[in-house]
Amino acid sequence: MSGLQTPEIWGVDLAAATAGLQLIEERTPRLCPADRARAAGFSDPAVREEWLATHIALRILIEHAAGAEWRGATFARSERGKPQLDGAPLAFSLSHAPGLAVIGLSPCGSIGVDVERTRCVRLVKARRARIEEAGAALQAAPLPDDGEARFLQAWVRLEAFAKAEGCGIGRLLTHLGILGTSAAARADQQSARALIEAMLVSSPSPAVRDLQLGAGVYAAAVFTGVPPTSAISWLPTSVAGLEKLTC
């Protein structure tokens, strides 16, 4: 078993890996009953299949990092709602868009990841601008110039930040004056940039990294209490390659 020494970011090509992941799960089940119950609630077979593949991949990577004793363990929730494995020597985060998943693991601290594919976003101008302002404040790297790309890169930064913080995107957007009945009042009082910058001065300060996963894909990772990385490893798509991760 390799053990996890530094944070890892894994990409999963779901179109190529799903068949192998399904076979691996049939041979050696790793999902917990709660996982299977959640998957059964999806009425769309394609959505259910991708959800299962993403979570099988997560379970394989957890086992690769922390050992087979965590196989089939039920995820708990932190006080703020972040999924975790109580007592396990790692933190994790996952996100998926059609045909693609991103999984982050860290030996300590906290991690959050998010991914989106190109899509048309319909949002009122003021709310969209505030999201882009907050996303821009999270990273020194500039946002893309193109309108949809600019919004989506800002959005994945915010989603990843919310996951690392454990607060959830709804609570973060409310705090930033983007959602909720007090949004207009917050917008008059303090900019989204100022609110995000105030959150970034916490100790340990979170680090945000944009991830490069190919054309038309927007992704980010946020690390708290652990050195950041933007390096991507791709999950093997063959059964043989997947099995090597669990040896």
Protein backbone atom coordinates (compact mmCIF):
# COMPACT_ATOMS: atom_id res chain seq x y z
CA MET A 1 0.00 0.00 0.00
CA SER A 2 1.50 3.33 -1.06
CA GLY A 3 0.33 5.61 1.73
CA LEU A 4 -0.49 9.25 1.08
CA GLN A 5 2.34 11.70 1.71
CA THR A 6 1.23 14.76 -0.27
CA PRO A 7 -2.07 15.90 -1.82
CA GLU A 8 -3.13 14.17 -5.02
CA ILE A 9 -5.57 15.26 -7.73
CA TRP A 10 -6.98 12.52 -9.96
CA GLY A 11 -8.92 12.88 -13.18
CA VAL A 12 -11.34 10.12 -14.19
CA ASP A 13 -12.39 9.65 -17.81
CA LEU A 14 -15.78 8.16 -17.01
CA ALA A 15 -16.55 7.15 -20.60
CA ALA A 16 -13.38 5.05 -20.74
CA ALA A 17 -13.19 3.85 -17.13
CA THR A 18 -16.79 3.01 -16.18
CA ALA A 19 -16.80 -0.57 -17.51
CA GLY A 20 -13.59 -1.39 -15.66
CA LEU A 21 -14.79 0.27 -12.47
CA GLN A 22 -18.04 -1.71 -12.59
CA LEU A 23 -16.15 -4.99 -13.00
CA ILE A 24 -13.79 -4.14 -10.14
CA GLU A 25 -16.79 -3.41 -7.91
CA GLU A 26 -18.47 -6.69 -8.89
CA ARG A 27 -15.32 -8.62 -7.96
CA THR A 28 -14.65 -6.79 -4.70
CA PRO A 29 -17.43 -4.51 -3.44
CA ARG A 30 -16.16 -1.26 -1.95
CA LEU A 31 -19.28 0.89 -1.87
CA CYS A 32 -21.22 1.08 1.38
CA PRO A 33 -24.99 0.45 1.63
CA ALA A 34 -25.63 4.19 1.83
CA ASP A 35 -23.80 4.65 -1.50
CA ARG A 36 -26.00 2.04 -3.17
CA ALA A 37 -29.16 3.52 -1.70
CA ARG A 38 -28.20 6.98 -2.96
CA ALA A 39 -27.50 5.63 -6.45
CA ALA A 40 -30.84 3.82 -6.54
CA GLY A 41 -32.56 7.17 -6.10
CA PHE A 42 -31.45 8.43 -9.51
CA SER A 43 -34.16 7.82 -12.10
CA ASP A 44 -31.87 8.49 -15.08
CA PRO A 45 -29.75 5.36 -15.75
CA ALA A 46 -26.92 7.40 -17.30
CA VAL A 47 -26.73 9.70 -14.27
CA ARG A 48 -26.84 6.71 -11.93
CA GLU A 49 -24.05 4.93 -13.83
CA GLU A 50 -21.75 7.97 -13.76
CA TRP A 51 -22.47 8.58 -10.06
CA LEU A 52 -21.61 4.99 -9.23
CA ALA A 53 -18.43 5.04 -11.35
CA THR A 54 -17.28 8.26 -9.68
CA HIS A 55 -17.81 6.83 -6.20
CA ILE A 56 -16.19 3.49 -7.03
CA ALA A 57 -13.17 5.46 -8.25
CA LEU A 58 -13.15 7.42 -4.98
CA ARG A 59 -13.29 4.20 -2.95
CA ILE A 60 -10.40 2.70 -4.92
CA LEU A 61 -8.27 5.79 -4.37
CA ILE A 62 -9.09 5.87 -0.64
CA GLU A 63 -8.04 2.23 -0.39
CA HIS A 64 -4.88 2.97 -2.37
CA ALA A 65 -4.02 5.79 0.03
CA ALA A 66 -5.18 4.46 3.40
CA GLY A 67 -5.59 0.68 3.17
CA ALA A 68 -8.23 -1.98 2.67
CA GLU A 69 -9.55 -1.54 6.22
CA TRP A 70 -11.53 1.45 4.93
CA ARG A 71 -13.27 -0.64 2.27
CA GLY A 72 -17.04 -0.19 2.52
CA ALA A 73 -16.84 2.27 5.40
CA THR A 74 -19.74 4.68 5.71
CA PHE A 75 -18.98 8.35 5.21
CA ALA A 76 -19.76 10.66 8.10
CA ARG A 77 -20.43 14.39 7.95
CA SER A 78 -18.43 17.06 9.71
CA GLU A 79 -20.20 19.64 11.84
CA ARG A 80 -20.47 21.85 8.75
CA GLY A 81 -21.56 19.01 6.46
CA LYS A 82 -18.34 17.98 4.70
CA PRO A 83 -18.14 14.21 3.91
CA GLN A 84 -15.35 12.43 5.74
CA LEU A 85 -14.17 9.06 7.00
CA ASP A 86 -13.90 9.39 10.76
CA GLY A 87 -10.45 8.25 11.89
CA ALA A 88 -9.02 7.86 8.39
CA PRO A 89 -5.61 9.46 7.73
CA LEU A 90 -6.86 11.59 4.85
CA ALA A 91 -9.32 14.16 3.62
CA PHE A 92 -11.05 13.93 0.25
CA SER A 93 -13.27 15.77 -2.18
CA LEU A 94 -14.88 14.85 -5.49
CA SER A 95 -16.81 16.48 -8.30
CA HIS A 96 -18.09 15.32 -11.64
CA ALA A 97 -19.37 16.75 -14.89
CA PRO A 98 -20.74 14.68 -17.77
CA GLY A 99 -18.13 12.09 -18.68
CA LEU A 100 -15.49 13.40 -16.28
CA ALA A 101 -14.73 13.30 -12.56
CA VAL A 102 -12.09 14.95 -10.39
CA ILE A 103 -11.07 13.50 -7.04
CA GLY A 104 -8.78 15.17 -4.52
CA LEU A 105 -7.04 13.46 -1.59
CA SER A 106 -4.93 15.01 1.14
CA PRO A 107 -3.03 13.40 4.05
CA CYS A 108 -4.01 16.27 6.37
CA GLY A 109 -5.82 19.58 6.44
CA SER A 110 -8.73 19.97 4.03
CA ILE A 111 -9.21 19.81 0.27
CA GLY A 112 -11.96 20.82 -2.13
CA VAL A 113 -12.27 20.22 -5.88
CA ASP A 114 -14.82 21.17 -8.51
CA VAL A 115 -15.21 20.67 -12.27
CA GLU A 116 -17.56 22.00 -14.95
CA ARG A 117 -17.85 21.57 -18.70
CA THR A 118 -18.66 24.43 -21.05
CA ARG A 119 -22.34 25.31 -20.79
CA CYS A 120 -24.58 28.30 -21.24
CA VAL A 121 -25.21 30.12 -17.96
CA ARG A 122 -28.32 32.24 -17.52
CA LEU A 123 -27.96 34.48 -14.51
CA VAL A 124 -28.91 38.06 -13.74
CA LYS A 125 -26.06 40.44 -14.53
CA ALA A 126 -25.45 41.71 -10.98
CA ARG A 127 -25.30 38.21 -9.47
CA ARG A 128 -23.03 36.95 -12.25
CA ALA A 129 -20.67 39.90 -11.81
CA ARG A 130 -20.45 39.31 -8.05
CA ILE A 131 -19.61 35.62 -8.56
CA GLU A 132 -16.88 36.55 -11.04
CA GLU A 133 -15.53 39.20 -8.65
CA ALA A 134 -15.31 36.69 -5.81
CA GLY A 135 -13.76 34.01 -8.02
CA ALA A 136 -11.14 36.43 -9.31
CA ALA A 137 -10.16 37.30 -5.73
CA LEU A 138 -9.41 33.67 -4.89
CA GLN A 139 -6.48 33.26 -7.29
CA ALA A 140 -3.69 35.45 -8.63
CA ALA A 141 -4.11 33.85 -12.07
CA PRO A 142 -6.54 35.93 -14.16
CA LEU A 143 -9.91 34.59 -15.20
CA PRO A 144 -10.44 33.90 -18.93
CA ASP A 145 -11.64 36.78 -21.10
CA ASP A 146 -14.51 34.86 -22.71
CA GLY A 147 -17.80 35.43 -20.89
CA GLU A 148 -18.91 31.84 -20.26
CA ALA A 149 -15.36 30.65 -19.56
CA ARG A 150 -14.81 33.56 -17.16
CA PHE A 151 -17.92 32.73 -15.18
CA LEU A 152 -17.31 28.97 -15.08
CA GLN A 153 -13.70 29.30 -13.89
CA ALA A 154 -14.83 31.70 -11.18
CA TRP A 155 -17.61 29.29 -10.23
CA VAL A 156 -15.39 26.21 -9.84
CA ARG A 157 -12.99 28.22 -7.68
CA LEU A 158 -15.88 29.16 -5.39
CA GLU A 159 -17.29 25.62 -5.31
CA ALA A 160 -13.88 24.15 -4.47
CA PHE A 161 -13.36 26.82 -1.80
CA ALA A 162 -16.74 26.04 -0.23
CA LYS A 163 -15.94 22.31 -0.19
CA ALA A 164 -12.55 22.87 1.44
CA GLU A 165 -14.14 25.15 4.02
CA GLY A 166 -16.86 22.54 4.57
CA CYS A 167 -19.60 25.16 4.47
CA GLY A 168 -21.27 24.29 1.16
CA ILE A 169 -21.77 26.60 -1.81
CA GLY A 170 -25.17 27.89 -0.67
CA ARG A 171 -23.81 29.17 2.62
CA LEU A 172 -20.78 30.71 0.91
CA LEU A 173 -22.90 32.53 -1.67
CA THR A 174 -25.16 33.85 1.07
CA HIS A 175 -22.13 35.13 2.99
CA LEU A 176 -20.90 36.86 -0.17
CA GLY A 177 -24.22 38.63 -0.70
CA ILE A 178 -25.07 36.61 -3.80
CA LEU A 179 -27.97 34.59 -2.36
CA GLY A 180 -30.50 35.27 0.33
CA THR A 181 -32.77 38.11 1.37
CA SER A 182 -29.83 40.22 2.52
CA ALA A 183 -28.02 40.06 -0.82
CA ALA A 184 -28.85 43.61 -1.87
CA ALA A 185 -27.88 45.00 1.51
CA ARG A 186 -24.56 43.14 1.46
CA ALA A 187 -23.84 44.37 -2.05
CA ASP A 188 -24.26 47.96 -0.81
CA GLN A 189 -22.06 47.43 2.24
CA GLN A 190 -19.05 45.41 1.08
CA SER A 191 -17.73 44.00 -2.18
CA ALA A 192 -17.55 40.27 -2.82
CA ARG A 193 -13.79 40.69 -3.25
CA ALA A 194 -13.44 42.21 0.21
CA LEU A 195 -15.53 39.46 1.78
CA ILE A 196 -13.48 36.70 0.11
CA GLU A 197 -10.20 38.39 1.01
CA ALA A 198 -11.29 38.51 4.64
CA MET A 199 -11.88 34.75 4.54
CA LEU A 200 -8.46 34.14 2.98
CA VAL A 201 -6.56 35.64 5.92
CA SER A 202 -7.53 32.73 8.16
CA SER A 203 -4.78 30.55 9.60
CA PRO A 204 -3.93 28.28 7.85
CA SER A 205 -4.77 30.29 4.76
CA PRO A 206 -6.36 28.28 1.93
CA ALA A 207 -4.49 28.02 -1.39
CA VAL A 208 -6.41 27.93 -4.69
CA ARG A 209 -5.16 26.29 -7.88
CA ASP A 210 -6.80 26.15 -11.30
CA LEU A 211 -6.59 22.69 -12.90
CA GLN A 212 -5.92 22.04 -16.59
CA LEU A 213 -8.08 19.14 -17.79
CA GLY A 214 -8.50 19.93 -21.46
CA ALA A 215 -10.46 22.22 -23.74
CA GLY A 216 -13.95 23.12 -22.56
CA VAL A 217 -13.31 21.95 -19.00
CA TYR A 218 -13.00 24.25 -15.98
CA ALA A 219 -11.69 22.94 -12.68
CA ALA A 220 -10.09 24.13 -9.47
CA ALA A 221 -8.73 22.74 -6.21
CA VAL A 222 -8.41 24.40 -2.81
CA PHE A 223 -6.02 23.25 -0.08
CA THR A 224 -6.09 24.24 3.59
CA GLY A 225 -3.29 23.28 5.97
CA VAL A 226 -1.34 21.37 3.33
CA PRO A 227 0.94 22.39 0.41
CA PRO A 228 -1.08 22.86 -2.81
CA THR A 229 -0.60 21.13 -6.14
CA SER A 230 -2.05 21.51 -9.61
CA ALA A 231 -0.59 18.24 -10.93
CA ILE A 232 -3.16 15.81 -12.34
CA SER A 233 -2.89 12.02 -12.37
CA TRP A 234 -5.36 10.09 -14.51
CA LEU A 235 -7.08 7.03 -13.12
CA PRO A 236 -6.29 3.90 -15.16
CA THR A 237 -9.14 2.80 -17.40
CA SER A 238 -8.25 -0.89 -17.66
CA VAL A 239 -9.16 -3.50 -15.07
CA ALA A 240 -5.49 -4.47 -14.74
CA GLY A 241 -4.47 -0.86 -14.14
CA LEU A 242 -7.23 -0.33 -11.58
CA GLU A 243 -6.31 -3.52 -9.73
CA LYS A 244 -2.71 -2.31 -9.35
CA LEU A 245 -4.00 0.59 -7.29
CA THR A 246 -5.45 -1.78 -4.71
CA CYS A 247 -2.48 -4.15 -4.41
